[in-house]
Amino acid sequence: MGRKHKADQTPLPGVYPVSFGEVELLRDADRPAGWVLTMGGVPQSFVDLDDPTYLDFEYVRLMADVIDTLPEGPLDAVHVGGGACTLPRWVAATRPGSRQIVIEPDQALVDLVRERLALRSVPNLKVRVTDGRSGAQGLRDESADLVVLDAFSGATMPLDLATAEYMADLARVLRPSGTLLVNTADGKGLAFARRIAATVKGSFRHALLLAEPGIMRGRRFGNLILAASNRPLATDRLTRKAAAGLPKARCVYDEALTDFIAGAAPLHDGDPVVAPVPPPAVFG
């Protein structure tokens, strides 16, 4: 007999224990079906249970812009880092027939999102409860069109998921025409983001960076999106979309990306580096 699931429960605002601490569910004031998942006061995910195509966070919209440039049709996608599974819901809605795997180490968080945020309603979505390194190792060679690396511990990117060794494993999982998306965050000086960019660029023939101008210049802490592939990326289209977006963003590639990296060294397993932590004022 198949496993019996508890019926989905109505979302309720509040603090919930999970495997690695506590998360809070907050109802959005402007969207009746909108919910924010936070951990340690840091917003992790926004989902609209009635409209999975609505993307509230700016950096998620930038990732969706990249996915929109991929060939039409369903995707085989892997998401390292789950949260409330905003982007998997969006892919399922905009690319019907897509098959998706989410790698998330927090079993209690997965259970909460299944029961309170209707994750079971997302078609062809499997969740593997394991860490990002082990989860990638368990994936077949050339099995994915898209890999999204959006894993954070609180507000910092886990260092073991930022190295050249891990990027090489993700490249193994991607098909020859596949695309990698990486969400990282940094602030003044962008030293960490430059090393992440160097790491990703070292594993793929083509790469680009998307971020708001203020973040790109290191004037404020925020998210930067890297896209990489062994096939050419839609740089012209993404440059136009980024410039027309709200807020506007920049698309940096080729020589401009080399200038951004500014000789920073790729990250490797065991390198002594500290992931940047946002100032307290960033999240109010």
Protein backbone atom coordinates (compact mmCIF):
# COMPACT_ATOMS: atom_id res chain seq x y z
CA MET A 1 0.00 0.00 0.00
CA GLY A 2 1.13 3.55 -0.66
CA ARG A 3 2.08 5.85 2.14
CA LYS A 4 -0.86 7.72 3.62
CA HIS A 5 -0.37 11.46 3.92
CA LYS A 6 -2.04 13.79 6.35
CA ALA A 7 -4.44 16.12 4.60
CA ASP A 8 -2.98 19.54 3.88
CA GLN A 9 -3.62 21.91 6.76
CA THR A 10 -4.63 25.54 6.47
CA PRO A 11 -1.57 27.80 6.75
CA LEU A 12 -1.40 29.57 10.08
CA PRO A 13 0.94 32.41 11.01
CA GLY A 14 3.37 31.40 13.71
CA VAL A 15 6.74 29.98 14.68
CA TYR A 16 7.39 26.34 13.86
CA PRO A 17 10.26 24.09 15.02
CA VAL A 18 12.31 22.53 12.23
CA SER A 19 15.36 20.29 12.20
CA PHE A 20 17.86 23.16 12.24
CA GLY A 21 16.08 25.68 14.46
CA GLU A 22 12.83 27.52 13.95
CA VAL A 23 11.02 29.13 11.03
CA GLU A 24 8.18 31.61 10.99
CA LEU A 25 5.25 31.73 8.61
CA LEU A 26 3.96 35.24 7.98
CA ARG A 27 0.83 36.13 6.03
CA ASP A 28 1.38 38.75 3.32
CA ALA A 29 -0.61 41.91 3.88
CA ASP A 30 -1.23 42.57 0.19
CA ARG A 31 -1.90 39.12 -1.30
CA PRO A 32 -4.58 36.94 0.39
CA ALA A 33 -2.78 33.69 -0.50
CA GLY A 34 0.75 35.05 -0.02
CA TRP A 35 3.05 33.62 2.64
CA VAL A 36 6.58 34.48 3.71
CA LEU A 37 8.87 31.86 5.27
CA THR A 38 11.59 33.35 7.48
CA MET A 39 14.42 31.84 9.52
CA GLY A 40 16.29 33.82 12.12
CA GLY A 41 14.51 36.93 10.91
CA VAL A 42 15.80 36.40 7.35
CA PRO A 43 13.16 35.99 4.62
CA GLN A 44 13.79 32.65 2.91
CA SER A 45 10.83 32.22 0.56
CA PHE A 46 7.63 33.86 -0.63
CA VAL A 47 4.84 31.76 -2.12
CA ASP A 48 1.39 32.65 -3.38
CA LEU A 49 -0.67 29.49 -2.96
CA ASP A 50 -3.23 30.66 -5.54
CA ASP A 51 -0.74 31.92 -8.12
CA PRO A 52 2.61 30.08 -8.33
CA THR A 53 3.67 32.33 -11.22
CA TYR A 54 3.85 35.33 -8.87
CA LEU A 55 7.43 35.94 -7.75
CA ASP A 56 7.91 38.49 -5.00
CA PHE A 57 11.65 38.39 -4.34
CA GLU A 58 13.73 40.32 -6.86
CA TYR A 59 16.52 37.75 -7.09
CA VAL A 60 14.00 34.97 -7.82
CA ARG A 61 12.62 37.03 -10.70
CA LEU A 62 16.14 37.33 -12.11
CA MET A 63 16.53 33.53 -12.00
CA ALA A 64 13.15 33.15 -13.68
CA ASP A 65 14.29 35.55 -16.41
CA VAL A 66 17.20 33.23 -17.18
CA ILE A 67 14.94 30.16 -17.23
CA ASP A 68 12.61 31.98 -19.62
CA THR A 69 15.45 32.12 -22.16
CA LEU A 70 15.87 28.33 -22.20
CA PRO A 71 14.32 26.32 -25.05
CA GLU A 72 10.55 25.92 -24.76
CA GLY A 73 8.99 22.87 -23.20
CA PRO A 74 9.26 20.90 -19.96
CA LEU A 75 12.52 20.80 -18.05
CA ASP A 76 14.32 18.23 -15.96
CA ALA A 77 15.36 20.45 -13.06
CA VAL A 78 17.27 20.02 -9.82
CA HIS A 79 17.01 22.54 -6.99
CA VAL A 80 19.66 22.49 -4.27
CA GLY A 81 17.97 24.22 -1.35
CA GLY A 82 14.25 23.98 -0.82
CA GLY A 83 12.70 26.52 1.51
CA ALA A 84 9.08 26.85 0.47
CA CYS A 85 9.96 25.75 -3.10
CA THR A 86 9.01 28.98 -4.82
CA LEU A 87 10.94 28.39 -8.02
CA PRO A 88 9.93 24.71 -8.39
CA ARG A 89 6.29 25.81 -8.16
CA TRP A 90 6.92 28.46 -10.82
CA VAL A 91 8.65 25.97 -13.14
CA ALA A 92 5.79 23.49 -12.73
CA ALA A 93 3.27 26.21 -13.64
CA THR A 94 5.16 27.76 -16.55
CA ARG A 95 6.72 24.57 -17.96
CA PRO A 96 3.98 21.91 -17.64
CA GLY A 97 5.34 18.38 -17.65
CA SER A 98 8.63 19.34 -16.02
CA ARG A 99 10.22 16.78 -13.71
CA GLN A 100 11.90 18.28 -10.68
CA ILE A 101 14.03 17.16 -7.76
CA VAL A 102 14.51 19.33 -4.67
CA ILE A 103 17.47 18.61 -2.38
CA GLU A 104 16.79 19.90 1.14
CA PRO A 105 18.47 18.68 4.34
CA ASP A 106 15.77 19.77 6.81
CA GLN A 107 13.13 17.01 7.10
CA ALA A 108 10.91 18.99 9.47
CA LEU A 109 10.93 21.98 7.13
CA VAL A 110 9.95 19.74 4.22
CA ASP A 111 7.09 18.31 6.29
CA LEU A 112 5.93 21.80 7.25
CA VAL A 113 5.92 23.03 3.64
CA ARG A 114 4.10 19.89 2.51
CA GLU A 115 1.41 20.19 5.17
CA ARG A 116 0.98 23.96 5.48
CA LEU A 117 2.01 25.31 2.07
CA ALA A 118 0.48 22.73 -0.28
CA LEU A 119 3.74 21.35 -1.65
CA ARG A 120 2.05 18.05 -2.49
CA SER A 121 -0.03 19.84 -5.12
CA VAL A 122 3.07 20.50 -7.26
CA PRO A 123 3.13 17.86 -10.02
CA ASN A 124 6.21 15.72 -10.77
CA LEU A 125 8.17 17.12 -7.82
CA LYS A 126 10.31 14.87 -5.63
CA VAL A 127 12.09 15.99 -2.47
CA ARG A 128 15.25 14.25 -1.34
CA VAL A 129 16.09 14.99 2.28
CA THR A 130 19.86 15.15 2.30
CA ASP A 131 22.68 17.68 2.19
CA GLY A 132 23.65 19.38 -1.04
CA ARG A 133 26.90 17.51 -1.58
CA SER A 134 25.41 14.05 -1.00
CA GLY A 135 22.30 14.92 -2.97
CA ALA A 136 24.30 15.92 -6.04
CA GLN A 137 26.48 12.83 -5.82
CA GLY A 138 23.33 10.71 -6.03
CA LEU A 139 22.22 12.23 -9.34
CA ARG A 140 22.94 10.62 -12.70
CA ASP A 141 25.36 12.08 -15.24
CA GLU A 142 23.74 14.38 -17.82
CA SER A 143 20.28 14.01 -16.28
CA ALA A 144 19.22 17.67 -15.88
CA ASP A 145 18.48 20.61 -18.13
CA LEU A 146 18.64 23.02 -15.21
CA VAL A 147 20.32 23.03 -11.81
CA VAL A 148 19.45 25.81 -9.36
CA LEU A 149 21.78 26.31 -6.39
CA ASP A 150 19.91 28.47 -3.88
CA ALA A 151 21.01 27.10 -0.52
CA PHE A 152 21.51 29.28 2.52
CA SER A 153 22.08 28.68 6.20
CA GLY A 154 20.28 31.69 7.59
CA ALA A 155 21.69 34.51 5.46
CA THR A 156 24.96 32.84 4.43
CA MET A 157 25.81 30.47 1.60
CA PRO A 158 27.26 27.14 2.85
CA LEU A 159 30.92 27.10 1.86
CA ASP A 160 30.91 23.42 0.90
CA LEU A 161 28.39 24.30 -1.83
CA ALA A 162 30.51 27.15 -3.20
CA THR A 163 33.66 25.30 -4.28
CA ALA A 164 35.08 24.28 -7.64
CA GLU A 165 34.75 20.63 -6.62
CA TYR A 166 31.01 21.03 -6.06
CA MET A 167 30.51 23.07 -9.22
CA ALA A 168 32.24 20.29 -11.17
CA ASP A 169 29.77 17.78 -9.72
CA LEU A 170 26.83 19.97 -10.73
CA ALA A 171 28.35 20.30 -14.21
CA ARG A 172 28.46 16.49 -14.37
CA VAL A 173 24.72 16.33 -13.65
CA LEU A 174 23.85 18.82 -16.39
CA ARG A 175 23.30 17.83 -19.98
CA PRO A 176 25.70 19.38 -22.53
CA SER A 177 23.19 22.18 -23.19
CA GLY A 178 22.16 22.50 -19.53
CA THR A 179 22.22 25.65 -17.40
CA LEU A 180 23.37 26.27 -13.84
CA LEU A 181 21.90 29.08 -11.73
CA VAL A 182 23.62 30.13 -8.49
CA ASN A 183 22.26 32.57 -5.92
CA THR A 184 24.88 34.14 -3.71
CA ALA A 185 24.92 37.24 -1.52
CA ASP A 186 27.56 39.78 -0.63
CA GLY A 187 28.14 43.38 0.39
CA LYS A 188 30.93 45.94 0.52
CA GLY A 189 33.87 44.99 -1.66
CA LEU A 190 32.15 41.88 -3.08
CA ALA A 191 35.22 39.75 -2.32
CA PHE A 192 33.13 36.61 -1.79
CA ALA A 193 30.96 37.17 -4.88
CA ARG A 194 34.07 37.66 -7.01
CA ARG A 195 35.43 34.30 -5.85
CA ILE A 196 32.10 32.58 -6.48
CA ALA A 197 32.03 34.10 -9.97
CA ALA A 198 35.58 32.88 -10.62
CA THR A 199 34.62 29.42 -9.38
CA VAL A 200 31.54 29.13 -11.60
CA LYS A 201 33.31 30.62 -14.62
CA GLY A 202 36.07 28.04 -14.23
CA SER A 203 33.64 25.13 -14.64
CA PHE A 204 31.70 26.33 -17.72
CA ARG A 205 32.47 27.87 -21.11
CA HIS A 206 29.91 30.66 -20.69
CA ALA A 207 28.83 32.63 -17.62
CA LEU A 208 27.05 35.84 -16.71
CA LEU A 209 26.13 37.77 -13.59
CA LEU A 210 22.86 39.54 -12.79
CA ALA A 211 22.34 42.01 -9.94
CA GLU A 212 20.99 45.43 -9.15
CA PRO A 213 23.53 48.21 -9.82
CA GLY A 214 23.83 49.17 -6.15
CA ILE A 215 24.63 45.58 -5.18
CA MET A 216 26.97 45.14 -8.17
CA ARG A 217 28.98 48.16 -7.00
CA GLY A 218 29.14 46.84 -3.44
CA ARG A 219 27.16 49.76 -2.07
CA ARG A 220 24.70 47.55 -0.24
CA PHE A 221 24.33 43.89 0.74
CA GLY A 222 22.18 41.80 -1.55
CA ASN A 223 21.77 38.87 -3.92
CA LEU A 224 23.78 38.26 -7.07
CA ILE A 225 22.73 35.63 -9.62
CA LEU A 226 25.24 33.68 -11.68
CA ALA A 227 24.17 31.74 -14.76
CA ALA A 228 26.53 29.33 -16.51
CA SER A 229 26.41 26.83 -19.33
CA ASN A 230 28.56 25.11 -21.92
CA ARG A 231 26.30 26.58 -24.58
CA PRO A 232 26.04 30.33 -25.28
CA LEU A 233 23.69 32.19 -22.94
CA ALA A 234 21.05 34.68 -24.11
CA THR A 235 23.12 37.69 -23.05
CA ASP A 236 21.43 40.26 -25.30
CA ARG A 237 17.95 39.23 -24.23
CA LEU A 238 18.89 39.12 -20.56
CA THR A 239 20.59 42.52 -20.77
CA ARG A 240 17.36 44.01 -22.13
CA LYS A 241 15.15 42.26 -19.55
CA ALA A 242 17.42 43.30 -16.68
CA ALA A 243 17.47 46.94 -17.82
CA ALA A 244 13.68 47.00 -18.16
CA GLY A 245 12.91 45.29 -14.86
CA LEU A 246 11.66 46.77 -11.62
CA PRO A 247 14.06 47.28 -10.04
CA LYS A 248 16.55 47.54 -12.85
CA ALA A 249 19.50 45.15 -12.89
CA ARG A 250 22.74 44.78 -14.80
CA CYS A 251 23.85 41.79 -16.86
CA VAL A 252 27.63 41.33 -16.85
CA TYR A 253 29.45 38.84 -19.08
CA ASP A 254 32.55 38.30 -21.23
CA GLU A 255 35.22 40.95 -20.56
CA ALA A 256 33.00 42.80 -18.10
CA LEU A 257 32.66 39.62 -16.03
CA THR A 258 36.44 39.13 -16.15
CA ASP A 259 36.82 42.72 -14.92
CA PHE A 260 34.31 42.06 -12.14
CA ILE A 261 36.24 38.97 -10.99
CA ALA A 262 39.39 41.13 -10.95
CA GLY A 263 41.76 38.18 -10.57
CA ALA A 264 39.92 36.61 -7.62
CA ALA A 265 40.83 32.95 -7.12
CA PRO A 266 38.25 30.15 -7.40
CA LEU A 267 37.19 28.57 -4.13
CA HIS A 268 38.32 25.03 -3.34
CA ASP A 269 37.42 22.55 -0.61
CA GLY A 270 39.32 23.47 2.53
CA ASP A 271 40.11 27.06 1.58
CA PRO A 272 40.05 29.39 4.60
CA VAL A 273 37.24 31.76 3.69
CA VAL A 274 34.33 33.26 5.60
CA ALA A 275 30.97 33.71 3.92
CA PRO A 276 29.71 37.30 4.32
CA VAL A 277 26.95 38.01 6.82
CA PRO A 278 24.52 40.86 6.12
CA PRO A 279 24.38 43.84 8.48
CA PRO A 280 21.41 43.61 10.88
CA ALA A 281 19.71 46.57 9.20
CA VAL A 282 19.31 44.66 5.91
CA PHE A 283 16.31 42.72 7.21
CA GLY A 284 15.00 45.41 9.52
